[in-house]
Amino acid sequence: MSKQKIRVAVVCGGKSAEHEVSLTSAKNIINALDQNKYETHLLVLDRQGRLLSTVSAQRYLNNKLGDVMPKLGAEIASNSEEKLDNEYVTIVRDETSANLIPLTRESDKTPIDVIFPVMHGPDGEDGSIQGLARLANVALVGSNVLGSAVNMDKDVMKRLLLQAGFPIANYIAFCNSRRDYLTFDAVTDKLGCPFFVKPANLGSSVGVSKVEFREDFDSAVEEAFYYDTKIICEEFIVGRELECAVLGTEAPIASVPGEIVVLDNEKFYSYDTKYLNEHGALLKIPADLPDEVVERVQQMACQAFVSTYCEGMARVDFFFTQDQQLIINELNTIPGFTDVSMYPKLLEASGMSLTEVLDWLIKDALQRFKERARLKTKVDI
């Protein structure tokens, strides 16, 4: 009797500005999953946050992805997209197994064993879909609600890192309600110039601007607030940009570090540099570093991973200064899995193929789910 395959729901898309990045990551994950072990279900949320049925999701993915990543915010014309009104689905519980079920218009119920979220940005990395998985009583790849929420918010993440004793860049956080206090002089008095302006809850360098002159400031603030209701202004650190992939939960392991070298014609590692300009940056894997520095990067990456309640996977980004200091920039709990993404490349250079990484992540998710299921849910009297 053949062993039943594990049913994996790969969830991607959503209302985030990283929508296209998410779709590309999902496509690569689906292609790399071992089809002898897993029965894959593609769940796509469109830009309105509506969940598409499996057939519609595949059409949507094919329509959205071309040979070139679309420019940020650009809508790709889709003749079939307008015809999907009757093919949206809802997520319900199976009354017998309490598992998550994508329910198609044909009522084709397919219980899911584990959710693999590949939704970058809001609603994907901020604890939203993680909370849905918890309520639906289904295993989840990656960090749960707490680790996802605190690491999505760069302000909260940096507070946790600072409290744990990690070196970080100086920064100031501003909510939209305090916008009147956000002036160029107020920021430069604390951070100097140049500095960065970023949305607090977004990735892929979306909405990030490098402010070098007073006249750059207002437009940078407008750009960041366009994507989030809270932004951060962050000190500019002169140094090499290093990244390290972490895999695990209680005893995480770290990959070899990699380095991002932004070429002279680019100001920083922006969205365009990552996904649109193939000549904007070089990825050096592994980074050319002394063994002692490699060990420090790996140790700090794992410690930061645990300190900010990450589980399963995360990418930890560093600055390495001329005086040999390592400064943690941020953690990303759902790193990209595109062709240019560092996370899978770093683990591959450390001896793990993408298929092996995905296999490990799913096993970790199922194990953590079993451990949580053993917890008591009522008080013994």
Protein backbone atom coordinates (compact mmCIF):
# COMPACT_ATOMS: atom_id res chain seq x y z
CA MET A 1 0.00 0.00 0.00
CA SER A 2 1.51 3.32 -1.08
CA LYS A 3 2.10 5.97 1.55
CA GLN A 4 -0.34 8.88 1.40
CA LYS A 5 1.27 12.10 0.25
CA ILE A 6 1.46 15.11 2.56
CA ARG A 7 -0.94 17.79 1.33
CA VAL A 8 0.78 21.17 1.15
CA ALA A 9 -1.03 24.44 0.44
CA VAL A 10 1.38 27.02 -1.02
CA VAL A 11 -0.26 30.41 -0.33
CA CYS A 12 0.96 33.46 -2.23
CA GLY A 13 -0.02 36.84 -3.67
CA GLY A 14 -2.15 39.18 -1.57
CA LYS A 15 -2.59 42.93 -1.25
CA SER A 16 1.10 43.58 -0.61
CA ALA A 17 3.35 45.68 -2.82
CA GLU A 18 5.50 42.54 -3.00
CA HIS A 19 2.73 40.69 -4.84
CA GLU A 20 4.78 39.73 -7.91
CA VAL A 21 7.77 38.70 -5.80
CA SER A 22 5.47 36.38 -3.85
CA LEU A 23 4.10 34.77 -7.01
CA THR A 24 7.59 34.12 -8.33
CA SER A 25 8.69 32.60 -5.02
CA ALA A 26 5.64 30.33 -4.97
CA LYS A 27 6.25 29.13 -8.49
CA ASN A 28 9.84 28.14 -7.65
CA ILE A 29 8.75 26.37 -4.46
CA ILE A 30 6.08 24.35 -6.26
CA ASN A 31 8.56 23.33 -8.95
CA ALA A 32 11.11 22.23 -6.33
CA LEU A 33 8.79 20.23 -4.04
CA ASP A 34 9.28 16.47 -4.22
CA GLN A 35 6.14 15.30 -6.02
CA ASN A 36 6.68 11.78 -4.69
CA LYS A 37 6.16 13.07 -1.15
CA TYR A 38 3.82 16.00 -1.50
CA GLU A 39 0.46 16.78 -3.05
CA THR A 40 0.68 20.48 -3.80
CA HIS A 41 -2.23 22.92 -3.77
CA LEU A 42 -1.70 26.44 -5.08
CA LEU A 43 -3.72 29.11 -3.26
CA VAL A 44 -3.40 32.62 -4.68
CA LEU A 45 -4.84 35.76 -3.15
CA ASP A 46 -5.37 38.41 -5.79
CA ARG A 47 -4.64 42.09 -5.23
CA GLN A 48 -8.07 42.54 -3.63
CA GLY A 49 -7.30 39.79 -1.12
CA ARG A 50 -9.71 37.29 -2.66
CA LEU A 51 -8.69 33.64 -2.61
CA LEU A 52 -8.76 31.93 -5.99
CA SER A 53 -9.64 28.31 -6.60
CA THR A 54 -6.83 26.01 -7.69
CA VAL A 55 -7.64 26.21 -11.40
CA SER A 56 -8.05 29.99 -11.33
CA ALA A 57 -4.90 30.35 -9.25
CA GLN A 58 -2.83 28.53 -11.84
CA ARG A 59 -4.21 30.72 -14.62
CA TYR A 60 -3.58 33.84 -12.55
CA LEU A 61 0.00 32.79 -11.87
CA ASN A 62 0.64 32.08 -15.56
CA ASN A 63 -0.91 35.39 -16.59
CA LYS A 64 1.04 37.40 -14.03
CA LEU A 65 4.51 35.97 -14.51
CA GLY A 66 6.49 36.70 -17.61
CA ASP A 67 10.15 36.50 -18.53
CA VAL A 68 10.72 39.84 -16.82
CA MET A 69 9.47 40.86 -13.39
CA PRO A 70 6.80 43.57 -13.81
CA LYS A 71 7.55 47.03 -12.52
CA LEU A 72 6.31 47.72 -9.00
CA GLY A 73 2.58 48.34 -8.89
CA ALA A 74 2.10 47.74 -12.60
CA GLU A 75 -0.97 45.70 -13.48
CA ILE A 76 -0.55 43.13 -16.22
CA ALA A 77 -3.58 42.92 -18.48
CA SER A 78 -5.30 39.55 -18.12
CA ASN A 79 -8.18 38.55 -20.34
CA SER A 80 -9.15 35.73 -18.00
CA GLU A 81 -8.79 37.63 -14.72
CA GLU A 82 -12.14 39.39 -15.13
CA LYS A 83 -13.87 36.04 -15.71
CA LEU A 84 -12.91 34.57 -12.35
CA ASP A 85 -15.78 36.05 -10.31
CA ASN A 86 -17.40 32.65 -9.77
CA GLU A 87 -14.14 30.91 -8.97
CA TYR A 88 -13.19 32.65 -5.73
CA VAL A 89 -13.17 30.41 -2.69
CA THR A 90 -13.53 30.69 1.05
CA ILE A 91 -11.57 28.91 3.73
CA VAL A 92 -13.55 26.78 6.15
CA ARG A 93 -12.90 24.05 8.68
CA ASP A 94 -13.64 20.42 8.09
CA GLU A 95 -15.99 19.45 10.91
CA THR A 96 -14.48 15.97 11.16
CA SER A 97 -10.76 16.77 11.07
CA ALA A 98 -10.72 20.48 12.02
CA ASN A 99 -8.26 21.04 9.20
CA LEU A 100 -8.14 23.90 6.78
CA ILE A 101 -9.97 23.29 3.51
CA PRO A 102 -9.97 25.32 0.31
CA LEU A 103 -13.59 25.01 -0.82
CA THR A 104 -14.04 25.39 -4.57
CA ARG A 105 -17.29 26.33 -6.27
CA GLU A 106 -17.61 22.62 -7.17
CA SER A 107 -17.41 21.81 -3.44
CA ASP A 108 -14.28 19.76 -4.04
CA LYS A 109 -13.04 19.49 -0.47
CA THR A 110 -9.33 18.86 -0.09
CA PRO A 111 -8.04 18.73 3.50
CA ILE A 112 -4.64 20.36 3.94
CA ASP A 113 -1.87 18.99 6.17
CA VAL A 114 0.41 22.03 6.15
CA ILE A 115 0.34 25.62 4.92
CA PHE A 116 3.47 26.99 3.25
CA PRO A 117 3.00 30.78 3.27
CA VAL A 118 4.97 32.63 0.60
CA MET A 119 3.17 35.94 1.04
CA HIS A 120 5.77 38.66 1.44
CA GLY A 121 4.80 41.78 3.35
CA PRO A 122 1.48 42.68 5.03
CA ASP A 123 -1.05 39.86 5.59
CA GLY A 124 1.69 37.31 4.87
CA GLU A 125 4.64 38.01 7.15
CA ASP A 126 2.89 40.04 9.84
CA GLY A 127 1.10 37.22 11.65
CA SER A 128 -2.20 37.43 9.75
CA ILE A 129 -2.09 34.19 7.81
CA GLN A 130 -0.20 32.61 10.70
CA GLY A 131 -3.17 33.41 12.95
CA LEU A 132 -5.53 31.92 10.38
CA ALA A 133 -3.52 28.70 10.38
CA ARG A 134 -3.63 28.59 14.18
CA LEU A 135 -7.41 29.07 14.26
CA ALA A 136 -7.88 26.50 11.51
CA ASN A 137 -5.71 24.02 13.46
CA VAL A 138 -3.29 23.27 10.65
CA ALA A 139 0.52 23.03 10.58
CA LEU A 140 2.42 26.07 9.31
CA VAL A 141 5.85 26.44 7.73
CA GLY A 142 7.95 29.19 9.29
CA SER A 143 7.39 31.51 12.21
CA ASN A 144 4.09 31.59 14.04
CA VAL A 145 2.09 34.69 15.01
CA LEU A 146 4.52 36.28 17.47
CA GLY A 147 7.75 35.82 15.51
CA SER A 148 6.07 36.93 12.30
CA ALA A 149 4.51 40.06 13.83
CA VAL A 150 7.56 41.37 15.68
CA ASN A 151 9.97 40.84 12.79
CA MET A 152 7.62 42.37 10.23
CA ASP A 153 7.60 45.62 12.18
CA LYS A 154 11.14 46.96 11.86
CA ASP A 155 10.65 49.23 14.87
CA VAL A 156 9.57 46.42 17.22
CA MET A 157 12.19 44.06 15.81
CA LYS A 158 14.96 46.58 16.48
CA ARG A 159 13.73 47.12 20.02
CA LEU A 160 13.97 43.39 20.72
CA LEU A 161 17.43 43.20 19.17
CA LEU A 162 18.60 46.19 21.20
CA GLN A 163 17.20 44.70 24.41
CA ALA A 164 19.03 41.43 23.67
CA GLY A 165 22.30 43.35 23.31
CA PHE A 166 22.76 43.25 19.53
CA PRO A 167 24.34 46.21 17.74
CA ILE A 168 21.87 47.96 15.41
CA ALA A 169 21.84 51.19 13.42
CA ASN A 170 20.40 54.24 15.14
CA TYR A 171 16.85 54.96 14.01
CA ILE A 172 13.68 56.94 14.71
CA ALA A 173 10.15 55.61 14.21
CA PHE A 174 7.22 57.84 13.26
CA CYS A 175 3.54 57.00 12.99
CA ASN A 176 1.34 58.96 10.62
CA SER A 177 -0.27 60.72 13.58
CA ARG A 178 3.14 62.24 14.49
CA ARG A 179 3.93 63.32 10.99
CA ASP A 180 4.02 67.02 11.91
CA TYR A 181 7.07 66.36 14.11
CA LEU A 182 8.95 64.64 11.30
CA THR A 183 11.32 67.23 9.85
CA PHE A 184 14.64 67.01 8.06
CA ASP A 185 16.41 68.92 10.86
CA ALA A 186 14.92 66.70 13.59
CA VAL A 187 16.13 63.57 11.82
CA THR A 188 19.61 64.81 10.91
CA ASP A 189 20.19 66.05 14.47
CA LYS A 190 19.92 62.43 15.64
CA LEU A 191 21.06 60.40 12.63
CA GLY A 192 23.26 62.66 10.54
CA CYS A 193 23.07 62.66 6.77
CA PRO A 194 22.68 60.67 4.56
CA PHE A 195 20.03 58.41 6.09
CA PHE A 196 17.33 56.00 4.94
CA VAL A 197 13.56 56.37 5.10
CA LYS A 198 11.61 53.09 5.11
CA PRO A 199 8.10 51.76 5.65
CA ALA A 200 8.15 49.92 8.97
CA ASN A 201 6.20 46.93 7.65
CA LEU A 202 7.42 45.96 4.21
CA GLY A 203 10.27 44.11 2.53
CA SER A 204 12.12 43.84 -0.78
CA SER A 205 13.26 47.45 -0.28
CA VAL A 206 9.82 48.65 -1.38
CA GLY A 207 9.24 52.29 -0.50
CA VAL A 208 12.83 52.76 0.72
CA SER A 209 14.69 55.97 -0.11
CA LYS A 210 18.20 57.18 0.61
CA VAL A 211 18.09 60.84 1.67
CA GLU A 212 21.29 62.69 0.85
CA PHE A 213 20.00 66.28 0.61
CA ARG A 214 17.26 68.34 2.25
CA GLU A 215 15.30 68.47 -0.99
CA ASP A 216 15.08 64.64 -1.03
CA PHE A 217 13.36 64.44 2.34
CA ASP A 218 9.69 65.25 1.68
CA SER A 219 9.38 62.91 -1.29
CA ALA A 220 11.10 60.09 0.65
CA VAL A 221 8.65 60.49 3.53
CA GLU A 222 5.70 60.57 1.12
CA GLU A 223 6.94 57.41 -0.58
CA ALA A 224 7.32 55.51 2.70
CA PHE A 225 3.92 56.61 4.05
CA TYR A 226 2.38 55.54 0.76
CA TYR A 227 3.02 51.92 1.82
CA ASP A 228 2.62 52.04 5.61
CA THR A 229 1.18 54.07 8.47
CA LYS A 230 4.49 53.85 10.36
CA ILE A 231 7.90 54.59 8.94
CA ILE A 232 11.46 54.58 10.25
CA CYS A 233 14.37 56.89 9.53
CA GLU A 234 17.61 54.95 9.89
CA GLU A 235 21.26 55.90 10.15
CA PHE A 236 23.38 55.26 7.08
CA ILE A 237 26.03 52.66 7.88
CA VAL A 238 29.19 52.54 5.80
CA GLY A 239 30.07 48.90 5.38
CA ARG A 240 29.67 45.68 3.45
CA GLU A 241 26.18 44.14 3.23
CA LEU A 242 26.13 40.53 4.42
CA GLU A 243 23.25 38.05 4.58
CA CYS A 244 22.94 34.71 6.35
CA ALA A 245 20.22 32.06 6.02
CA VAL A 246 18.99 30.38 9.20
CA LEU A 247 17.14 27.07 9.29
CA GLY A 248 15.69 25.48 12.41
CA THR A 249 13.66 26.22 15.51
CA GLU A 250 15.09 25.42 18.94
CA ALA A 251 18.59 24.67 17.66
CA PRO A 252 18.86 26.64 14.40
CA ILE A 253 21.74 26.30 11.97
CA ALA A 254 23.25 29.05 9.83
CA SER A 255 24.44 29.02 6.24
CA VAL A 256 27.66 30.41 4.91
CA PRO A 257 27.35 34.22 4.72
CA GLY A 258 26.86 35.91 1.38
CA GLU A 259 27.61 39.46 0.32
CA ILE A 260 25.64 41.92 -1.79
CA VAL A 261 27.84 44.31 -3.75
CA VAL A 262 25.80 47.20 -5.10
CA LEU A 263 27.42 48.59 -8.24
CA ASP A 264 28.44 52.22 -8.57
CA ASN A 265 25.43 53.31 -10.62
CA GLU A 266 23.01 52.23 -7.84
CA LYS A 267 22.49 54.13 -4.58
CA PHE A 268 21.53 51.04 -2.57
CA TYR A 269 20.03 47.54 -2.88
CA SER A 270 16.60 48.73 -4.02
CA TYR A 271 13.62 46.81 -5.46
CA ASP A 272 14.76 47.71 -8.98
CA THR A 273 18.30 46.58 -8.23
CA LYS A 274 17.07 43.24 -6.85
CA TYR A 275 14.49 42.31 -9.45
CA LEU A 276 14.65 44.54 -12.53
CA ASN A 277 18.25 45.55 -13.16
CA GLU A 278 20.33 42.42 -13.67
CA HIS A 279 23.51 44.54 -13.68
CA GLY A 280 22.70 46.52 -10.51
CA ALA A 281 24.38 44.26 -7.96
CA LEU A 282 26.65 41.28 -7.56
CA LEU A 283 25.89 38.41 -5.19
CA LYS A 284 29.03 36.86 -3.72
CA ILE A 285 28.34 33.44 -2.21
CA PRO A 286 30.14 32.67 -0.04
CA ALA A 287 31.37 36.09 1.02
CA ASP A 288 35.12 36.62 1.12
CA LEU A 289 35.53 36.77 4.90
CA PRO A 290 38.03 35.45 7.47
CA ASP A 291 36.91 32.29 9.24
CA GLU A 292 36.56 34.19 12.51
CA VAL A 293 34.10 36.66 10.95
CA VAL A 294 32.12 33.84 9.31
CA GLU A 295 31.71 32.21 12.73
CA ARG A 296 30.61 35.51 14.27
CA VAL A 297 28.03 36.07 11.53
CA GLN A 298 26.62 32.56 11.94
CA GLN A 299 26.53 32.78 15.72
CA MET A 300 24.87 36.21 15.75
CA ALA A 301 22.37 35.13 13.09
CA CYS A 302 21.22 32.15 15.16
CA GLN A 303 21.10 34.18 18.37
CA ALA A 304 19.06 36.94 16.72
CA PHE A 305 16.77 34.30 15.23
CA VAL A 306 16.00 32.91 18.69
CA SER A 307 15.82 36.33 20.38
CA THR A 308 13.11 37.55 18.01
CA TYR A 309 11.03 34.33 18.24
CA CYS A 310 11.66 33.10 14.72
CA GLU A 311 10.83 29.50 13.79
CA GLY A 312 11.64 27.39 10.76
CA MET A 313 13.39 29.89 8.55
CA ALA A 314 14.67 33.45 8.36
CA ARG A 315 17.30 35.49 6.60
CA VAL A 316 19.42 37.75 8.81
CA ASP A 317 21.00 40.83 7.22
CA PHE A 318 24.14 42.53 8.51
CA PHE A 319 26.44 45.47 7.91
CA PHE A 320 30.14 44.73 8.31
CA THR A 321 32.09 47.92 8.98
CA GLN A 322 35.71 48.78 8.31
CA ASP A 323 36.51 48.43 12.03
CA GLN A 324 35.24 44.82 11.92
CA GLN A 325 31.90 45.48 13.62
CA LEU A 326 28.86 43.42 12.72
CA ILE A 327 25.62 45.40 12.88
CA ILE A 328 22.29 43.63 12.42
CA ASN A 329 20.09 45.35 9.88
CA GLU A 330 16.95 43.19 9.95
CA LEU A 331 15.43 39.70 9.90
CA ASN A 332 13.10 38.41 7.21
CA THR A 333 10.85 35.54 8.34
CA ILE A 334 9.58 34.68 4.84
CA PRO A 335 12.63 35.25 2.64
CA GLY A 336 12.27 35.27 -1.11
CA PHE A 337 12.56 32.12 -3.19
CA THR A 338 12.96 33.83 -6.56
CA ASP A 339 15.82 33.07 -8.93
CA VAL A 340 17.82 35.98 -7.47
CA SER A 341 16.90 35.47 -3.80
CA MET A 342 19.75 34.99 -1.37
CA TYR A 343 18.09 32.56 1.07
CA PRO A 344 17.99 29.47 -1.18
CA LYS A 345 21.32 30.40 -2.76
CA LEU A 346 23.03 30.59 0.65
CA LEU A 347 21.70 27.22 1.73
CA GLU A 348 22.64 25.67 -1.61
CA ALA A 349 26.20 26.93 -1.10
CA SER A 350 26.06 25.30 2.34
CA GLY A 351 25.18 21.92 0.84
CA MET A 352 21.36 21.87 0.75
CA SER A 353 19.33 21.88 -2.44
CA LEU A 354 16.05 23.81 -2.55
CA THR A 355 14.15 20.51 -2.54
CA GLU A 356 15.99 19.45 0.63
CA VAL A 357 15.35 22.81 2.29
CA LEU A 358 11.62 22.64 1.55
CA ASP A 359 11.47 19.06 2.80
CA TRP A 360 13.15 20.09 6.05
CA LEU A 361 10.81 23.07 6.53
CA ILE A 362 7.67 20.98 6.06
CA LYS A 363 8.90 18.28 8.46
CA ASP A 364 9.71 21.01 11.02
CA ALA A 365 6.22 22.50 10.64
CA LEU A 366 4.53 19.14 11.16
CA GLN A 367 6.70 18.35 14.18
CA ARG A 368 5.95 21.69 15.85
CA PHE A 369 2.26 21.17 15.15
CA LYS A 370 2.36 17.78 16.90
CA GLU A 371 4.15 19.28 19.90
CA ARG A 372 1.55 22.04 20.22
CA ALA A 373 -1.28 19.53 19.92
CA ARG A 374 -0.01 17.83 23.08
CA LEU A 375 -0.58 20.98 25.18
CA LYS A 376 -3.52 20.95 27.55
CA THR A 377 -6.53 23.04 26.57
CA LYS A 378 -8.49 22.70 29.81
CA VAL A 379 -7.77 22.77 33.53
CA ASP A 380 -7.92 19.49 35.38
CA ILE A 381 -10.30 19.66 38.32
